[in-house]
PDB file of N, CA and C in Angstrom:
ATOM      1  N   MET A   1      -2.034 -22.381 -20.173  1.00  0.00           N
ATOM      2  CA  MET A   1      -2.193 -20.936 -20.224  1.00  0.00           C
ATOM      3  C   MET A   1      -2.726 -20.396 -18.897  1.00  0.00           C
ATOM      4  N   ALA A   2      -3.623 -21.152 -18.262  1.00  0.00           N
ATOM      5  CA  ALA A   2      -4.201 -20.718 -16.998  1.00  0.00           C
ATOM      6  C   ALA A   2      -3.130 -20.671 -15.904  1.00  0.00           C
ATOM      7  N   ILE A   3      -2.176 -21.595 -15.967  1.00  0.00           N
ATOM      8  CA  ILE A   3      -1.102 -21.607 -14.967  1.00  0.00           C
ATOM      9  C   ILE A   3      -0.245 -20.353 -15.100  1.00  0.00           C
ATOM     10  N   LEU A   4       0.051 -19.949 -16.319  1.00  0.00           N
ATOM     11  CA  LEU A   4       0.828 -18.736 -16.541  1.00  0.00           C
ATOM     12  C   LEU A   4       0.070 -17.516 -16.037  1.00  0.00           C
ATOM     13  N   PHE A   5      -1.209 -17.439 -16.350  1.00  0.00           N
ATOM     14  CA  PHE A   5      -2.022 -16.306 -15.912  1.00  0.00           C
ATOM     15  C   PHE A   5      -2.124 -16.272 -14.390  1.00  0.00           C
ATOM     16  N   GLU A   6      -2.284 -17.435 -13.771  1.00  0.00           N
ATOM     17  CA  GLU A   6      -2.356 -17.494 -12.315  1.00  0.00           C
ATOM     18  C   GLU A   6      -1.027 -17.063 -11.690  1.00  0.00           C
ATOM     19  N   SER A   7       0.087 -17.444 -12.286  1.00  0.00           N
ATOM     20  CA  SER A   7       1.403 -17.044 -11.779  1.00  0.00           C
ATOM     21  C   SER A   7       1.610 -15.537 -11.897  1.00  0.00           C
ATOM     22  N   ILE A   8       1.161 -14.964 -12.994  1.00  0.00           N
ATOM     23  CA  ILE A   8       1.261 -13.512 -13.172  1.00  0.00           C
ATOM     24  C   ILE A   8       0.399 -12.803 -12.134  1.00  0.00           C
ATOM     25  N   LEU A   9      -0.796 -13.312 -11.906  1.00  0.00           N
ATOM     26  CA  LEU A   9      -1.669 -12.730 -10.887  1.00  0.00           C
ATOM     27  C   LEU A   9      -1.044 -12.850  -9.500  1.00  0.00           C
ATOM     28  N   TRP A  10      -0.405 -13.978  -9.229  1.00  0.00           N
ATOM     29  CA  TRP A  10       0.248 -14.172  -7.942  1.00  0.00           C
ATOM     30  C   TRP A  10       1.358 -13.145  -7.740  1.00  0.00           C
ATOM     31  N   MET A  11       2.172 -12.914  -8.778  1.00  0.00           N
ATOM     32  CA  MET A  11       3.254 -11.933  -8.679  1.00  0.00           C
ATOM     33  C   MET A  11       2.697 -10.516  -8.524  1.00  0.00           C
ATOM     34  N   LEU A  12       1.626 -10.214  -9.238  1.00  0.00           N
ATOM     35  CA  LEU A  12       0.976  -8.913  -9.099  1.00  0.00           C
ATOM     36  C   LEU A  12       0.422  -8.742  -7.689  1.00  0.00           C
ATOM     37  N   GLY A  13      -0.184  -9.790  -7.170  1.00  0.00           N
ATOM     38  CA  GLY A  13      -0.700  -9.766  -5.803  1.00  0.00           C
ATOM     39  C   GLY A  13       0.400  -9.560  -4.782  1.00  0.00           C
ATOM     40  N   LEU A  14       1.538 -10.164  -5.017  1.00  0.00           N
ATOM     41  CA  LEU A  14       2.687  -9.998  -4.126  1.00  0.00           C
ATOM     42  C   LEU A  14       3.161  -8.545  -4.123  1.00  0.00           C
ATOM     43  N   ALA A  15       3.217  -7.931  -5.295  1.00  0.00           N
ATOM     44  CA  ALA A  15       3.635  -6.529  -5.392  1.00  0.00           C
ATOM     45  C   ALA A  15       2.629  -5.612  -4.696  1.00  0.00           C
ATOM     46  N   VAL A  16       1.336  -5.879  -4.899  1.00  0.00           N
ATOM     47  CA  VAL A  16       0.295  -5.069  -4.249  1.00  0.00           C
ATOM     48  C   VAL A  16       0.366  -5.233  -2.740  1.00  0.00           C
ATOM     49  N   GLU A  17       0.573  -6.456  -2.281  1.00  0.00           N
ATOM     50  CA  GLU A  17       0.661  -6.702  -0.845  1.00  0.00           C
ATOM     51  C   GLU A  17       1.872  -6.004  -0.227  1.00  0.00           C
ATOM     52  N   LEU A  18       2.997  -6.033  -0.914  1.00  0.00           N
ATOM     53  CA  LEU A  18       4.192  -5.349  -0.421  1.00  0.00           C
ATOM     54  C   LEU A  18       3.947  -3.834  -0.338  1.00  0.00           C
ATOM     55  N   TYR A  19       3.330  -3.262  -1.364  1.00  0.00           N
ATOM     56  CA  TYR A  19       3.050  -1.827  -1.344  1.00  0.00           C
ATOM     57  C   TYR A  19       2.043  -1.491  -0.243  1.00  0.00           C
ATOM     58  N   LEU A  20       1.082  -2.376  -0.022  1.00  0.00           N
ATOM     59  CA  LEU A  20       0.111  -2.184   1.050  1.00  0.00           C
ATOM     60  C   LEU A  20       0.816  -2.152   2.407  1.00  0.00           C
ATOM     61  N   ILE A  21       1.749  -3.059   2.614  1.00  0.00           N
ATOM     62  CA  ILE A  21       2.502  -3.095   3.869  1.00  0.00           C
ATOM     63  C   ILE A  21       3.310  -1.811   4.047  1.00  0.00           C
ATOM     64  N   LEU A  22       3.958  -1.349   2.977  1.00  0.00           N
ATOM     65  CA  LEU A  22       4.730  -0.112   3.060  1.00  0.00           C
ATOM     66  C   LEU A  22       3.836   1.088   3.380  1.00  0.00           C
ATOM     67  N   ALA A  23       2.637   1.129   2.800  1.00  0.00           N
ATOM     68  CA  ALA A  23       1.713   2.230   3.077  1.00  0.00           C
ATOM     69  C   ALA A  23       1.246   2.196   4.529  1.00  0.00           C
ATOM     70  N   VAL A  24       0.961   1.022   5.050  1.00  0.00           N
ATOM     71  CA  VAL A  24       0.532   0.896   6.445  1.00  0.00           C
ATOM     72  C   VAL A  24       1.667   1.294   7.393  1.00  0.00           C
ATOM     73  N   VAL A  25       2.881   0.852   7.099  1.00  0.00           N
ATOM     74  CA  VAL A  25       4.030   1.218   7.928  1.00  0.00           C
ATOM     75  C   VAL A  25       4.240   2.732   7.879  1.00  0.00           C
ATOM     76  N   ASN A  26       4.096   3.321   6.703  1.00  0.00           N
ATOM     77  CA  ASN A  26       4.254   4.765   6.561  1.00  0.00           C
ATOM     78  C   ASN A  26       3.251   5.520   7.426  1.00  0.00           C
ATOM     79  N   ILE A  27       1.993   5.129   7.375  1.00  0.00           N
ATOM     80  CA  ILE A  27       0.963   5.798   8.173  1.00  0.00           C
ATOM     81  C   ILE A  27       1.204   5.573   9.663  1.00  0.00           C
ATOM     82  N   THR A  28       1.549   4.350  10.034  1.00  0.00           N
ATOM     83  CA  THR A  28       1.779   4.034  11.441  1.00  0.00           C
ATOM     84  C   THR A  28       2.934   4.852  12.009  1.00  0.00           C
ATOM     85  N   LEU A  29       4.035   4.918  11.277  1.00  0.00           N
ATOM     86  CA  LEU A  29       5.177   5.701  11.752  1.00  0.00           C
ATOM     87  C   LEU A  29       4.843   7.182  11.804  1.00  0.00           C
ATOM     88  N   TYR A  30       4.071   7.680  10.843  1.00  0.00           N
ATOM     89  CA  TYR A  30       3.673   9.086  10.860  1.00  0.00           C
ATOM     90  C   TYR A  30       2.888   9.404  12.134  1.00  0.00           C
ATOM     91  N   TRP A  31       1.897   8.569  12.441  1.00  0.00           N
ATOM     92  CA  TRP A  31       1.082   8.829  13.629  1.00  0.00           C
ATOM     93  C   TRP A  31       1.885   8.645  14.915  1.00  0.00           C
ATOM     94  N   CYS A  32       2.779   7.671  14.947  1.00  0.00           N
ATOM     95  CA  CYS A  32       3.617   7.478  16.135  1.00  0.00           C
ATOM     96  C   CYS A  32       4.526   8.674  16.371  1.00  0.00           C
ATOM     97  N   MET A  33       5.058   9.241  15.304  1.00  0.00           N
ATOM     98  CA  MET A  33       5.903  10.428  15.457  1.00  0.00           C
ATOM     99  C   MET A  33       5.053  11.653  15.789  1.00  0.00           C
ATOM    100  N   HIS A  34       3.872  11.734  15.217  1.00  0.00           N
ATOM    101  CA  HIS A  34       2.988  12.881  15.462  1.00  0.00           C
ATOM    102  C   HIS A  34       2.592  12.966  16.940  1.00  0.00           C
ATOM    103  N   PHE A  35       2.338  11.820  17.552  1.00  0.00           N
ATOM    104  CA  PHE A  35       1.930  11.788  18.953  1.00  0.00           C
ATOM    105  C   PHE A  35       3.100  11.498  19.902  1.00  0.00           C
ATOM    106  N   ASN A  36       4.318  11.645  19.413  1.00  0.00           N
ATOM    107  CA  ASN A  36       5.542  11.477  20.207  1.00  0.00           C
ATOM    108  C   ASN A  36       5.648  10.109  20.874  1.00  0.00           C
ATOM    109  N   VAL A  37       5.135   9.085  20.215  1.00  0.00           N
ATOM    110  CA  VAL A  37       5.309   7.723  20.710  1.00  0.00           C
ATOM    111  C   VAL A  37       6.737   7.277  20.417  1.00  0.00           C
ATOM    112  N   ILE A  38       7.234   7.689  19.256  1.00  0.00           N
ATOM    113  CA  ILE A  38       8.627   7.431  18.897  1.00  0.00           C
ATOM    114  C   ILE A  38       9.254   8.762  18.493  1.00  0.00           C
ATOM    115  N   GLY A  39      10.563   8.833  18.604  1.00  0.00           N
ATOM    116  CA  GLY A  39      11.280  10.048  18.227  1.00  0.00           C
ATOM    117  C   GLY A  39      11.663  10.011  16.758  1.00  0.00           C
ATOM    118  N   GLN A  40      12.491  10.966  16.379  1.00  0.00           N
ATOM    119  CA  GLN A  40      12.948  11.031  14.986  1.00  0.00           C
ATOM    120  C   GLN A  40      13.956   9.938  14.663  1.00  0.00           C
ATOM    121  N   GLY A  41      14.615   9.397  15.679  1.00  0.00           N
ATOM    122  CA  GLY A  41      15.526   8.283  15.469  1.00  0.00           C
ATOM    123  C   GLY A  41      16.857   8.700  14.886  1.00  0.00           C
ATOM    124  N   GLY A  42      17.643   7.698  14.563  1.00  0.00           N
ATOM    125  CA  GLY A  42      18.978   7.923  14.026  1.00  0.00           C
ATOM    126  C   GLY A  42      18.974   8.081  12.519  1.00  0.00           C
ATOM    127  N   GLU A  43      20.168   8.013  11.959  1.00  0.00           N
ATOM    128  CA  GLU A  43      20.347   8.223  10.521  1.00  0.00           C
ATOM    129  C   GLU A  43      19.669   7.122   9.700  1.00  0.00           C
ATOM    130  N   ALA A  44      19.774   5.879  10.146  1.00  0.00           N
ATOM    131  CA  ALA A  44      19.151   4.775   9.412  1.00  0.00           C
ATOM    132  C   ALA A  44      17.631   4.913   9.407  1.00  0.00           C
ATOM    133  N   PHE A  45      17.062   5.335  10.533  1.00  0.00           N
ATOM    134  CA  PHE A  45      15.618   5.524  10.614  1.00  0.00           C
ATOM    135  C   PHE A  45      15.170   6.643   9.686  1.00  0.00           C
ATOM    136  N   LYS A  46      15.937   7.713   9.611  1.00  0.00           N
ATOM    137  CA  LYS A  46      15.608   8.825   8.719  1.00  0.00           C
ATOM    138  C   LYS A  46      15.682   8.400   7.260  1.00  0.00           C
ATOM    139  N   LYS A  47      16.654   7.566   6.928  1.00  0.00           N
ATOM    140  CA  LYS A  47      16.759   7.047   5.556  1.00  0.00           C
ATOM    141  C   LYS A  47      15.555   6.174   5.225  1.00  0.00           C
ATOM    142  N   PHE A  48      15.127   5.367   6.195  1.00  0.00           N
ATOM    143  CA  PHE A  48      13.951   4.523   5.978  1.00  0.00           C
ATOM    144  C   PHE A  48      12.706   5.378   5.781  1.00  0.00           C
ATOM    145  N   LEU A  49      12.543   6.432   6.583  1.00  0.00           N
ATOM    146  CA  LEU A  49      11.405   7.336   6.420  1.00  0.00           C
ATOM    147  C   LEU A  49      11.445   8.024   5.060  1.00  0.00           C
ATOM    148  N   ASN A  50      12.643   8.417   4.637  1.00  0.00           N
ATOM    149  CA  ASN A  50      12.794   9.042   3.326  1.00  0.00           C
ATOM    150  C   ASN A  50      12.416   8.068   2.217  1.00  0.00           C
ATOM    151  N   PHE A  51      12.836   6.804   2.364  1.00  0.00           N
ATOM    152  CA  PHE A  51      12.471   5.771   1.394  1.00  0.00           C
ATOM    153  C   PHE A  51      10.952   5.601   1.326  1.00  0.00           C
ATOM    154  N   LEU A  52      10.310   5.512   2.494  1.00  0.00           N
ATOM    155  CA  LEU A  52       8.853   5.368   2.515  1.00  0.00           C
ATOM    156  C   LEU A  52       8.172   6.561   1.855  1.00  0.00           C
ATOM    157  N   HIS A  53       8.687   7.745   2.111  1.00  0.00           N
ATOM    158  CA  HIS A  53       8.114   8.960   1.528  1.00  0.00           C
ATOM    159  C   HIS A  53       8.244   8.939   0.000  1.00  0.00           C
ATOM    160  N   LYS A  54       9.413   8.552  -0.498  1.00  0.00           N
ATOM    161  CA  LYS A  54       9.631   8.503  -1.951  1.00  0.00           C
ATOM    162  C   LYS A  54       8.748   7.459  -2.624  1.00  0.00           C
ATOM    163  N   ILE A  55       8.473   6.376  -1.923  1.00  0.00           N
ATOM    164  CA  ILE A  55       7.671   5.299  -2.496  1.00  0.00           C
ATOM    165  C   ILE A  55       6.181   5.647  -2.492  1.00  0.00           C
ATOM    166  N   THR A  56       5.700   6.247  -1.420  1.00  0.00           N
ATOM    167  CA  THR A  56       4.261   6.449  -1.266  1.00  0.00           C
ATOM    168  C   THR A  56       3.769   7.822  -1.710  1.00  0.00           C
ATOM    169  N   GLU A  57       4.587   8.831  -1.615  1.00  0.00           N
ATOM    170  CA  GLU A  57       4.125  10.201  -1.885  1.00  0.00           C
ATOM    171  C   GLU A  57       3.609  10.421  -3.308  1.00  0.00           C
ATOM    172  N   PRO A  58       4.222   9.853  -4.354  1.00  0.00           N
ATOM    173  CA  PRO A  58       3.658  10.071  -5.692  1.00  0.00           C
ATOM    174  C   PRO A  58       2.208   9.565  -5.822  1.00  0.00           C
ATOM    175  N   VAL A  59       1.915   8.461  -5.184  1.00  0.00           N
ATOM    176  CA  VAL A  59       0.555   7.925  -5.240  1.00  0.00           C
ATOM    177  C   VAL A  59      -0.393   8.799  -4.419  1.00  0.00           C
ATOM    178  N   TYR A  60       0.067   9.222  -3.249  1.00  0.00           N
ATOM    179  CA  TYR A  60      -0.745  10.123  -2.429  1.00  0.00           C
ATOM    180  C   TYR A  60      -1.037  11.416  -3.185  1.00  0.00           C
ATOM    181  N   ALA A  61      -0.046  11.948  -3.889  1.00  0.00           N
ATOM    182  CA  ALA A  61      -0.224  13.200  -4.631  1.00  0.00           C
ATOM    183  C   ALA A  61      -1.285  13.040  -5.714  1.00  0.00           C
ATOM    184  N   LYS A  62      -1.274  11.917  -6.418  1.00  0.00           N
ATOM    185  CA  LYS A  62      -2.299  11.665  -7.443  1.00  0.00           C
ATOM    186  C   LYS A  62      -3.685  11.561  -6.815  1.00  0.00           C
ATOM    187  N   LEU A  63      -3.762  10.899  -5.667  1.00  0.00           N
ATOM    188  CA  LEU A  63      -5.057  10.781  -4.989  1.00  0.00           C
ATOM    189  C   LEU A  63      -5.542  12.141  -4.485  1.00  0.00           C
ATOM    190  N   ARG A  64      -4.618  12.972  -4.011  1.00  0.00           N
ATOM    191  CA  ARG A  64      -4.993  14.293  -3.504  1.00  0.00           C
ATOM    192  C   ARG A  64      -5.574  15.189  -4.589  1.00  0.00           C
ATOM    193  N   GLU A  65      -5.209  14.924  -5.846  1.00  0.00           N
ATOM    194  CA  GLU A  65      -5.783  15.691  -6.951  1.00  0.00           C
ATOM    195  C   GLU A  65      -7.290  15.462  -7.054  1.00  0.00           C
ATOM    196  N   HIS A  66      -7.739  14.281  -6.662  1.00  0.00           N
ATOM    197  CA  HIS A  66      -9.151  13.913  -6.792  1.00  0.00           C
ATOM    198  C   HIS A  66      -9.902  13.929  -5.467  1.00  0.00           C
ATOM    199  N   ILE A  67      -9.173  13.743  -4.373  1.00  0.00           N
ATOM    200  CA  ILE A  67      -9.808  13.674  -3.055  1.00  0.00           C
ATOM    201  C   ILE A  67      -9.259  14.808  -2.201  1.00  0.00           C
ATOM    202  N   LYS A  68     -10.089  15.760  -1.923  1.00  0.00           N
ATOM    203  CA  LYS A  68      -9.670  16.908  -1.124  1.00  0.00           C
ATOM    204  C   LYS A  68      -9.714  16.548   0.366  1.00  0.00           C
ATOM    205  N   PRO A  69      -8.886  17.224   1.179  1.00  0.00           N
ATOM    206  CA  PRO A  69      -8.901  16.974   2.630  1.00  0.00           C
ATOM    207  C   PRO A  69     -10.275  17.288   3.239  1.00  0.00           C
ATOM    208  N   ILE A  70     -10.631  16.541   4.238  1.00  0.00           N
ATOM    209  CA  ILE A  70     -11.891  16.743   4.954  1.00  0.00           C
ATOM    210  C   ILE A  70     -11.551  17.432   6.271  1.00  0.00           C
ATOM    211  N   SER A  71     -12.008  18.657   6.424  1.00  0.00           N
ATOM    212  CA  SER A  71     -11.709  19.480   7.608  1.00  0.00           C
ATOM    213  C   SER A  71     -10.209  19.548   7.883  1.00  0.00           C
ATOM    214  N   GLY A  72      -9.417  19.646   6.816  1.00  0.00           N
ATOM    215  CA  GLY A  72      -7.974  19.733   6.956  1.00  0.00           C
ATOM    216  C   GLY A  72      -7.281  18.392   7.157  1.00  0.00           C
ATOM    217  N   PHE A  73      -8.031  17.300   7.146  1.00  0.00           N
ATOM    218  CA  PHE A  73      -7.472  15.963   7.374  1.00  0.00           C
ATOM    219  C   PHE A  73      -7.311  15.259   6.033  1.00  0.00           C
ATOM    220  N   ASP A  74      -6.082  14.880   5.695  1.00  0.00           N
ATOM    221  CA  ASP A  74      -5.781  14.208   4.432  1.00  0.00           C
ATOM    222  C   ASP A  74      -6.153  12.730   4.534  1.00  0.00           C
ATOM    223  N   ILE A  75      -7.124  12.324   3.755  1.00  0.00           N
ATOM    224  CA  ILE A  75      -7.566  10.928   3.804  1.00  0.00           C
ATOM    225  C   ILE A  75      -6.983  10.088   2.670  1.00  0.00           C
ATOM    226  N   SER A  76      -6.132  10.679   1.835  1.00  0.00           N
ATOM    227  CA  SER A  76      -5.591   9.934   0.698  1.00  0.00           C
ATOM    228  C   SER A  76      -4.824   8.670   1.103  1.00  0.00           C
ATOM    229  N   PRO A  77      -4.048   8.650   2.207  1.00  0.00           N
ATOM    230  CA  PRO A  77      -3.385   7.394   2.576  1.00  0.00           C
ATOM    231  C   PRO A  77      -4.381   6.275   2.921  1.00  0.00           C
ATOM    232  N   TYR A  78      -5.476   6.650   3.522  1.00  0.00           N
ATOM    233  CA  TYR A  78      -6.472   5.646   3.912  1.00  0.00           C
ATOM    234  C   TYR A  78      -7.252   5.143   2.706  1.00  0.00           C
ATOM    235  N   VAL A  79      -7.494   6.029   1.756  1.00  0.00           N
ATOM    236  CA  VAL A  79      -8.135   5.615   0.506  1.00  0.00           C
ATOM    237  C   VAL A  79      -7.214   4.665  -0.238  1.00  0.00           C
ATOM    238  N   LEU A  80      -5.918   4.942  -0.222  1.00  0.00           N
ATOM    239  CA  LEU A  80      -4.954   4.058  -0.877  1.00  0.00           C
ATOM    240  C   LEU A  80      -4.960   2.679  -0.231  1.00  0.00           C
ATOM    241  N   ILE A  81      -4.959   2.619   1.076  1.00  0.00           N
ATOM    242  CA  ILE A  81      -4.943   1.332   1.768  1.00  0.00           C
ATOM    243  C   ILE A  81      -6.203   0.529   1.460  1.00  0.00           C
ATOM    244  N   ILE A  82      -7.341   1.183   1.504  1.00  0.00           N
ATOM    245  CA  ILE A  82      -8.602   0.479   1.200  1.00  0.00           C
ATOM    246  C   ILE A  82      -8.609   0.010  -0.250  1.00  0.00           C
ATOM    247  N   SER A  83      -8.126   0.846  -1.159  1.00  0.00           N
ATOM    248  CA  SER A  83      -8.083   0.470  -2.574  1.00  0.00           C
ATOM    249  C   SER A  83      -7.140  -0.707  -2.817  1.00  0.00           C
ATOM    250  N   LEU A  84      -5.978  -0.670  -2.184  1.00  0.00           N
ATOM    251  CA  LEU A  84      -5.029  -1.773  -2.346  1.00  0.00           C
ATOM    252  C   LEU A  84      -5.577  -3.070  -1.757  1.00  0.00           C
ATOM    253  N   ALA A  85      -6.252  -2.972  -0.623  1.00  0.00           N
ATOM    254  CA  ALA A  85      -6.853  -4.172  -0.032  1.00  0.00           C
ATOM    255  C   ALA A  85      -7.923  -4.738  -0.954  1.00  0.00           C
ATOM    256  N   PHE A  86      -8.697  -3.863  -1.593  1.00  0.00           N
ATOM    257  CA  PHE A  86      -9.733  -4.311  -2.529  1.00  0.00           C
ATOM    258  C   PHE A  86      -9.109  -4.991  -3.750  1.00  0.00           C
ATOM    259  N   VAL A  87      -8.058  -4.388  -4.304  1.00  0.00           N
ATOM    260  CA  VAL A  87      -7.376  -4.981  -5.462  1.00  0.00           C
ATOM    261  C   VAL A  87      -6.757  -6.321  -5.083  1.00  0.00           C
ATOM    262  N   LEU A  88      -6.164  -6.389  -3.913  1.00  0.00           N
ATOM    263  CA  LEU A  88      -5.578  -7.647  -3.448  1.00  0.00           C
ATOM    264  C   LEU A  88      -6.638  -8.729  -3.308  1.00  0.00           C
ATOM    265  N   HIS A  89      -7.791  -8.357  -2.792  1.00  0.00           N
ATOM    266  CA  HIS A  89      -8.898  -9.307  -2.666  1.00  0.00           C
ATOM    267  C   HIS A  89      -9.344  -9.803  -4.043  1.00  0.00           C
ATOM    268  N   LEU A  90      -9.453  -8.901  -5.003  1.00  0.00           N
ATOM    269  CA  LEU A  90      -9.838  -9.301  -6.361  1.00  0.00           C
ATOM    270  C   LEU A  90      -8.821 -10.259  -6.975  1.00  0.00           C
ATOM    271  N   ILE A  91      -7.542  -9.981  -6.764  1.00  0.00           N
ATOM    272  CA  ILE A  91      -6.499 -10.851  -7.300  1.00  0.00           C
ATOM    273  C   ILE A  91      -6.575 -12.229  -6.657  1.00  0.00           C
ATOM    274  N   GLU A  92      -6.774 -12.282  -5.347  1.00  0.00           N
ATOM    275  CA  GLU A  92      -6.874 -13.568  -4.663  1.00  0.00           C
ATOM    276  C   GLU A  92      -8.084 -14.357  -5.139  1.00  0.00           C
ATOM    277  N   LYS A  93      -9.202 -13.683  -5.335  1.00  0.00           N
ATOM    278  CA  LYS A  93     -10.404 -14.375  -5.840  1.00  0.00           C
ATOM    279  C   LYS A  93     -10.174 -14.881  -7.254  1.00  0.00           C
ATOM    280  N   ALA A  94      -9.499 -14.101  -8.082  1.00  0.00           N
ATOM    281  CA  ALA A  94      -9.211 -14.538  -9.447  1.00  0.00           C
ATOM    282  C   ALA A  94      -8.304 -15.767  -9.440  1.00  0.00           C
ATOM    283  N   CYS A  95      -7.354 -15.810  -8.525  1.00  0.00           N
ATOM    284  CA  CYS A  95      -6.479 -16.988  -8.416  1.00  0.00           C
ATOM    285  C   CYS A  95      -7.257 -18.217  -7.976  1.00  0.00           C
ATOM    286  N   HIS A  96      -8.222 -18.021  -7.069  1.00  0.00           N
ATOM    287  CA  HIS A  96      -9.042 -19.160  -6.629  1.00  0.00           C
ATOM    288  C   HIS A  96      -9.932 -19.660  -7.752  1.00  0.00           C
ATOM    289  N   VAL A  97     -10.408 -18.769  -8.565  1.00  0.00           N
ATOM    290  CA  VAL A  97     -11.252 -19.174  -9.698  1.00  0.00           C
ATOM    291  C   VAL A  97     -10.415 -19.933 -10.720  1.00  0.00           C
ATOM    292  N   LEU A  98      -9.176 -19.502 -10.923  1.00  0.00           N
ATOM    293  CA  LEU A  98      -8.307 -20.151 -11.903  1.00  0.00           C
ATOM    294  C   LEU A  98      -7.710 -21.455 -11.403  1.00  0.00           C
ATOM    295  N   ALA A  99      -7.626 -21.649 -10.102  1.00  0.00           N
ATOM    296  CA  ALA A  99      -6.966 -22.834  -9.551  1.00  0.00           C
ATOM    297  C   ALA A  99      -7.585 -24.149 -10.042  1.00  0.00           C
ATOM    298  N   PRO A 100      -8.919 -24.311 -10.050  1.00  0.00           N
ATOM    299  CA  PRO A 100      -9.470 -25.569 -10.561  1.00  0.00           C
ATOM    300  C   PRO A 100      -9.193 -25.762 -12.055  1.00  0.00           C
ATOM    301  N   VAL A 101      -9.101 -24.682 -12.812  1.00  0.00           N
ATOM    302  CA  VAL A 101      -8.845 -24.776 -14.236  1.00  0.00           C
ATOM    303  C   VAL A 101      -7.429 -25.268 -14.484  1.00  0.00           C
ATOM    304  N   ALA A 102      -6.488 -24.836 -13.639  1.00  0.00           N
ATOM    305  CA  ALA A 102      -5.083 -25.206 -13.795  1.00  0.00           C
ATOM    306  C   ALA A 102      -4.854 -26.688 -13.499  1.00  0.00           C
ATOM    307  N   ASN A 103      -5.669 -27.268 -12.648  1.00  0.00           N
ATOM    308  CA  ASN A 103      -5.489 -28.684 -12.296  1.00  0.00           C
ATOM    309  C   ASN A 103      -6.108 -29.505 -13.339  1.00  0.00           C
TER     310      ASN A 103
END
């Protein structure tokens, strides 16, 4: 039973890690475009930006309901990244705790 639970936690951790990477890429590209480090790019780049927006914006919107901007600066993406990193850490610790039980 512990092996099944550890496998489920591993898959959950993988999903959280993937979403964390997408959120970091989204923020990085936003700031790079904001400061003209990169341009708007071609059609494929715009589709990728649209994909990132569709994936991350619903979560940002929920966070914005509870966390208001500070001096006009939206901190919801950063709260999401910190929260995802914390959840990922908890999942990894839970897997380490379960590992001796599985053996």
